[in-house]
Amino acid sequence: MEDYSKNLFLLLFSCTALIISYHNVDSLSTASVVGLNYGLLGDNLPSPSNVIKFYKSQNVAKIRIFEPNKDVLNALRGNRDIGVTVGIKNEDLEALAANKDAVKSCTTVTTTSLARLKPPSAGVLTPQARQQLVPVLRLLSQTSTPIFVNIYPYYFHASDPKNVPLEYANFNNDQIVVKDGALKYSNLFDAIFDAFLWAMEKEGVKGLPLVVSETGWPSAGNGGMTTPALQYTYIGNFVKHVASGKGTPKRPNSRIDAYIFETYNENQKPVGIYQHFGLYDPY
């Protein structure tokens, strides 16, 4: 069963800081909290004020937006029961990665590394990722500031369904699929999470808080691999996994703070699965 792990890729996406947190919400509290990503790439989306009202009606405690948006931030004004994480645009990343002072004041830094894995403990950063990410990791470790990681088991399953079974990708599996020394993995999410932890440790960074900035499953766009039922299954099982407090094999009995991708389907994204990660249609 360990052969399954040979087909995994480590997806690294990093974030330096939570820039805005309304007073009554601690997104890194002792309890696991699942929030929602709020994207704006649609021409039929509800107004920000209506979206915030919807979040409140659903008891959503925290959200994440991908760049500062005045309308969204104004809609949040006075809503102290919703925490918000604000990202930055990709084109700003290079300057941030090279500027220590800029990193201190930034919101989200995103970088990619694709590294073929065996067991999670074999996870490493590619040379490009090391150059861009390691200085940020070391800076974050000085203040225990969380790093944000996108984890999408869907992509692994969709790219290699024979060797990455659906049940392993969507938490519908109780059997051990991957053994890594004393650590045992029955779901792909935990394996990806822990691979990132191992990769950081190999760069001398241990114990850094890790937040799952995005995870989800598209409801359409790729035939039978993307249906509303599969999306429902993945999201439901993911929330149960987080709420259980089990953590991961490498970080057992620890909280997992996460944001589901995403709130609405966005019709201005590229055609295909990217328009169908939303939990809700805009109307």
Protein backbone atom coordinates (compact mmCIF):
# COMPACT_ATOMS: atom_id res chain seq x y z
CA MET A 1 0.00 0.00 0.00
CA GLU A 2 2.95 2.32 0.45
CA ASP A 3 3.20 2.57 -3.37
CA TYR A 4 0.27 4.98 -3.35
CA SER A 5 2.46 7.61 -1.75
CA LYS A 6 4.89 7.57 -4.68
CA ASN A 7 2.28 9.36 -6.77
CA LEU A 8 1.79 12.31 -4.47
CA PHE A 9 2.97 15.86 -5.11
CA LEU A 10 3.57 18.42 -2.40
CA LEU A 11 1.67 21.64 -3.05
CA LEU A 12 3.15 24.51 -1.12
CA PHE A 13 1.32 27.77 -0.65
CA SER A 14 2.49 30.08 2.11
CA CYS A 15 1.07 33.01 3.99
CA THR A 16 2.80 35.23 6.48
CA ALA A 17 0.19 36.85 8.68
CA LEU A 18 -3.38 37.49 9.66
CA ILE A 19 -3.70 41.19 8.98
CA ILE A 20 -7.21 41.92 10.26
CA SER A 21 -8.95 40.17 13.13
CA TYR A 22 -12.12 41.59 14.65
CA HIS A 23 -12.07 41.65 18.42
CA ASN A 24 -14.31 38.76 19.35
CA VAL A 25 -12.75 36.22 16.99
CA ASP A 26 -9.49 34.38 17.56
CA SER A 27 -8.90 32.39 14.39
CA LEU A 28 -6.10 30.49 16.10
CA SER A 29 -8.02 29.64 19.26
CA THR A 30 -7.82 26.31 21.02
CA ALA A 31 -10.84 25.03 19.11
CA SER A 32 -10.62 24.14 15.44
CA VAL A 33 -12.40 26.69 13.27
CA VAL A 34 -13.46 26.18 9.66
CA GLY A 35 -13.97 29.37 7.67
CA LEU A 36 -14.90 30.18 4.08
CA ASN A 37 -12.99 31.76 1.22
CA TYR A 38 -14.90 34.63 -0.36
CA GLY A 39 -14.02 35.16 -4.03
CA LEU A 40 -15.27 37.98 -6.23
CA LEU A 41 -14.71 36.73 -9.78
CA GLY A 42 -18.34 36.70 -10.83
CA ASP A 43 -20.75 39.15 -12.43
CA ASN A 44 -23.80 37.75 -10.65
CA LEU A 45 -22.61 37.67 -7.04
CA PRO A 46 -24.66 39.09 -4.17
CA SER A 47 -23.54 42.43 -2.83
CA PRO A 48 -20.88 42.29 -0.11
CA SER A 49 -23.38 43.52 2.47
CA ASN A 50 -25.75 40.67 1.62
CA VAL A 51 -22.90 38.17 1.68
CA ILE A 52 -21.89 39.29 5.16
CA LYS A 53 -25.50 38.99 6.31
CA PHE A 54 -25.55 35.48 4.89
CA TYR A 55 -22.36 34.57 6.75
CA LYS A 56 -23.87 35.81 9.99
CA SER A 57 -27.04 33.82 9.40
CA GLN A 58 -24.91 30.69 8.93
CA ASN A 59 -22.71 31.41 11.97
CA VAL A 60 -19.57 31.68 9.85
CA ALA A 61 -16.90 32.91 12.25
CA LYS A 62 -14.12 33.73 9.82
CA ILE A 63 -13.58 34.38 6.12
CA ARG A 64 -10.67 34.90 3.79
CA ILE A 65 -10.53 37.32 0.85
CA PHE A 66 -7.80 37.27 -1.76
CA GLU A 67 -6.92 40.95 -1.85
CA PRO A 68 -7.99 44.13 -0.06
CA ASN A 69 -11.43 45.06 -1.35
CA LYS A 70 -12.95 48.27 -0.09
CA ASP A 71 -16.56 47.17 -0.56
CA VAL A 72 -16.05 43.93 1.35
CA LEU A 73 -14.10 45.60 4.14
CA ASN A 74 -16.73 48.31 4.45
CA ALA A 75 -19.44 45.63 4.65
CA LEU A 76 -17.51 44.02 7.50
CA ARG A 77 -17.22 47.29 9.39
CA GLY A 78 -18.88 46.88 12.78
CA ASN A 79 -19.26 43.09 12.44
CA ARG A 80 -17.03 42.05 15.31
CA ASP A 81 -18.19 38.44 15.23
CA ILE A 82 -16.50 37.71 11.89
CA GLY A 83 -12.73 37.49 11.50
CA VAL A 84 -11.16 38.13 8.13
CA THR A 85 -7.82 37.24 6.55
CA VAL A 86 -6.76 39.47 3.67
CA GLY A 87 -4.45 38.28 0.90
CA ILE A 88 -2.33 40.07 -1.68
CA LYS A 89 -2.01 39.82 -5.45
CA ASN A 90 0.43 37.34 -6.99
CA GLU A 91 2.32 40.08 -8.80
CA ASP A 92 3.40 41.49 -5.44
CA LEU A 93 5.05 38.27 -4.28
CA GLU A 94 8.53 38.71 -5.68
CA ALA A 95 9.06 42.03 -3.96
CA LEU A 96 7.75 40.66 -0.68
CA ALA A 97 9.96 37.60 -0.81
CA ALA A 98 13.03 39.80 -1.22
CA ASN A 99 12.10 42.43 1.35
CA LYS A 100 12.08 41.51 5.03
CA ASP A 101 10.40 44.75 6.07
CA ALA A 102 7.69 44.28 3.45
CA VAL A 103 7.00 40.75 4.66
CA LYS A 104 6.41 42.02 8.19
CA SER A 105 3.52 44.16 6.99
CA CYS A 106 2.12 41.89 4.28
CA THR A 107 -1.00 39.77 4.32
CA THR A 108 -0.49 36.71 2.17
CA VAL A 109 2.54 35.34 0.35
CA THR A 110 1.92 32.54 -2.12
CA THR A 111 4.50 30.34 -3.78
CA THR A 112 4.45 26.96 -5.51
CA SER A 113 6.66 23.82 -5.17
CA LEU A 114 5.90 20.52 -6.77
CA ALA A 115 7.99 17.70 -5.29
CA ARG A 116 7.29 14.03 -5.95
CA LEU A 117 6.81 12.21 -2.67
CA LYS A 118 7.26 8.76 -1.28
CA PRO A 119 6.17 8.77 2.39
CA PRO A 120 5.33 12.23 3.80
CA SER A 121 8.72 12.29 5.55
CA ALA A 122 10.31 12.41 2.09
CA GLY A 123 8.76 15.83 1.46
CA VAL A 124 11.25 18.49 0.38
CA LEU A 125 11.15 21.94 -1.14
CA THR A 126 12.28 22.38 -4.71
CA PRO A 127 15.32 24.65 -5.20
CA GLN A 128 13.11 27.50 -6.41
CA ALA A 129 10.79 27.16 -3.44
CA ARG A 130 13.73 27.03 -1.05
CA GLN A 131 15.08 30.31 -2.39
CA GLN A 132 11.74 32.09 -2.12
CA LEU A 133 10.18 30.44 0.90
CA VAL A 134 12.89 29.59 3.42
CA PRO A 135 13.65 33.24 4.40
CA VAL A 136 9.93 33.74 4.99
CA LEU A 137 9.66 30.54 7.02
CA ARG A 138 12.53 31.55 9.26
CA LEU A 139 11.07 35.00 9.78
CA LEU A 140 7.68 33.53 10.69
CA SER A 141 9.24 31.07 13.11
CA GLN A 142 10.69 33.93 15.15
CA THR A 143 7.19 35.04 16.12
CA SER A 144 5.27 31.77 15.64
CA THR A 145 3.25 33.45 12.91
CA PRO A 146 1.22 30.87 10.96
CA ILE A 147 2.00 29.76 7.45
CA PHE A 148 -0.95 29.14 5.14
CA VAL A 149 -1.04 26.04 2.92
CA ASN A 150 -3.52 25.08 0.19
CA ILE A 151 -4.36 21.37 0.28
CA TYR A 152 -6.42 19.83 -2.53
CA PRO A 153 -6.68 16.01 -2.50
CA TYR A 154 -9.01 16.35 -5.50
CA TYR A 155 -6.15 17.21 -7.86
CA PHE A 156 -4.13 14.16 -6.85
CA HIS A 157 -7.10 11.86 -7.38
CA ALA A 158 -8.11 13.48 -10.68
CA SER A 159 -4.59 13.22 -12.10
CA ASP A 160 -4.07 9.57 -11.09
CA PRO A 161 -7.32 7.90 -10.00
CA LYS A 162 -5.84 4.41 -10.27
CA ASN A 163 -3.12 5.01 -7.70
CA VAL A 164 -4.93 7.64 -5.63
CA PRO A 165 -8.31 6.06 -4.83
CA LEU A 166 -11.34 8.25 -4.32
CA GLU A 167 -11.89 6.90 -0.81
CA TYR A 168 -8.36 7.88 0.18
CA ALA A 169 -8.88 11.39 -1.22
CA ASN A 170 -12.28 12.13 0.33
CA PHE A 171 -11.86 10.64 3.83
CA ASN A 172 -14.15 7.66 3.07
CA ASN A 173 -11.48 5.16 4.03
CA ASP A 174 -10.67 3.51 7.36
CA GLN A 175 -7.77 1.36 6.15
CA ILE A 176 -4.12 2.35 6.33
CA VAL A 177 -2.96 3.35 2.85
CA VAL A 178 0.47 4.82 3.57
CA LYS A 179 2.91 3.83 6.29
CA ASP A 180 5.73 6.19 7.16
CA GLY A 181 7.69 4.57 9.96
CA ALA A 182 5.40 4.63 12.96
CA LEU A 183 3.03 7.09 11.28
CA LYS A 184 0.01 5.67 9.47
CA TYR A 185 -2.22 7.44 6.94
CA SER A 186 -5.78 6.58 5.96
CA ASN A 187 -6.51 9.85 4.12
CA LEU A 188 -4.60 11.94 1.63
CA PHE A 189 -5.23 15.26 3.37
CA ASP A 190 -3.17 14.24 6.39
CA ALA A 191 -0.37 12.94 4.17
CA ILE A 192 -0.09 16.26 2.31
CA PHE A 193 -0.31 18.27 5.54
CA ASP A 194 2.46 16.26 7.17
CA ALA A 195 4.64 16.31 4.05
CA PHE A 196 4.74 20.06 4.36
CA LEU A 197 5.70 19.81 8.03
CA TRP A 198 8.58 17.47 7.14
CA ALA A 199 9.73 19.80 4.36
CA MET A 200 9.82 22.75 6.77
CA GLU A 201 11.72 20.77 9.38
CA LYS A 202 14.38 19.90 6.82
CA GLU A 203 14.92 23.66 6.46
CA GLY A 204 15.35 24.01 10.22
CA VAL A 205 11.84 25.30 10.93
CA LYS A 206 9.95 23.27 13.54
CA GLY A 207 6.67 23.82 15.31
CA LEU A 208 5.45 26.62 13.03
CA PRO A 209 1.64 26.97 13.14
CA LEU A 210 0.04 25.83 9.89
CA VAL A 211 -3.35 26.98 8.62
CA VAL A 212 -5.11 25.37 5.66
CA SER A 213 -5.91 28.41 3.55
CA GLU A 214 -7.86 26.47 0.92
CA THR A 215 -9.36 23.03 0.50
CA GLY A 216 -12.35 21.91 -1.48
CA TRP A 217 -13.81 19.75 -4.24
CA PRO A 218 -15.48 21.00 -7.44
CA SER A 219 -19.09 20.02 -8.09
CA ALA A 220 -18.80 20.01 -11.91
CA GLY A 221 -16.35 20.44 -14.76
CA ASN A 222 -14.64 17.04 -14.89
CA GLY A 223 -17.30 14.44 -15.49
CA GLY A 224 -17.93 11.84 -12.82
CA MET A 225 -15.02 13.05 -10.70
CA THR A 226 -16.82 16.32 -9.98
CA THR A 227 -20.41 16.02 -8.81
CA PRO A 228 -22.41 17.78 -6.11
CA ALA A 229 -22.49 14.51 -4.19
CA LEU A 230 -18.70 14.18 -4.23
CA GLN A 231 -18.30 17.80 -3.17
CA TYR A 232 -20.78 17.27 -0.33
CA THR A 233 -18.94 14.14 0.77
CA TYR A 234 -15.51 15.74 0.80
CA ILE A 235 -16.57 18.92 2.58
CA GLY A 236 -18.66 17.04 5.14
CA ASN A 237 -15.92 14.55 5.89
CA PHE A 238 -13.30 17.28 6.04
CA VAL A 239 -15.30 19.28 8.59
CA LYS A 240 -15.80 16.13 10.68
CA HIS A 241 -12.09 15.40 10.51
CA VAL A 242 -11.18 18.89 11.68
CA ALA A 243 -13.85 18.92 14.38
CA SER A 244 -12.64 15.60 15.77
CA GLY A 245 -9.49 17.22 17.11
CA LYS A 246 -7.40 14.24 15.99
CA GLY A 247 -4.95 16.41 14.11
CA THR A 248 -2.62 14.50 11.79
CA PRO A 249 -0.25 11.58 12.47
CA LYS A 250 2.70 13.97 12.76
CA ARG A 251 0.75 16.51 14.84
CA PRO A 252 -1.76 14.37 16.74
CA ASN A 253 -4.42 15.83 19.00
CA SER A 254 -3.88 19.32 17.66
CA ARG A 255 -6.28 21.78 16.10
CA ILE A 256 -6.46 22.29 12.36
CA ASP A 257 -7.60 25.76 11.36
CA ALA A 258 -8.89 25.88 7.81
CA TYR A 259 -10.81 27.75 5.12
CA ILE A 260 -13.03 25.90 2.65
CA PHE A 261 -12.72 26.95 -0.97
CA GLU A 262 -15.15 28.56 -1.56
CA THR A 263 -18.41 30.38 -0.87
CA TYR A 264 -19.90 30.90 -4.37
CA ASN A 265 -19.43 29.54 -7.86
CA GLU A 266 -17.70 32.30 -9.85
CA ASN A 267 -18.58 32.55 -13.53
CA GLN A 268 -15.66 34.80 -14.49
CA LYS A 269 -13.07 32.15 -13.68
CA PRO A 270 -11.70 29.87 -16.44
CA VAL A 271 -14.30 27.47 -17.80
CA GLY A 272 -14.23 24.05 -16.18
CA ILE A 273 -13.76 22.98 -12.59
CA TYR A 274 -12.61 26.45 -11.52
CA GLN A 275 -16.14 27.79 -11.85
CA HIS A 276 -17.56 25.08 -9.62
CA PHE A 277 -15.77 25.06 -6.28
CA GLY A 278 -18.51 27.14 -4.64
CA LEU A 279 -20.73 25.69 -1.96
CA TYR A 280 -23.52 27.93 -3.23
CA ASP A 281 -24.75 29.34 -6.50
CA PRO A 282 -24.89 33.16 -6.36
CA TYR A 283 -28.65 33.25 -6.78
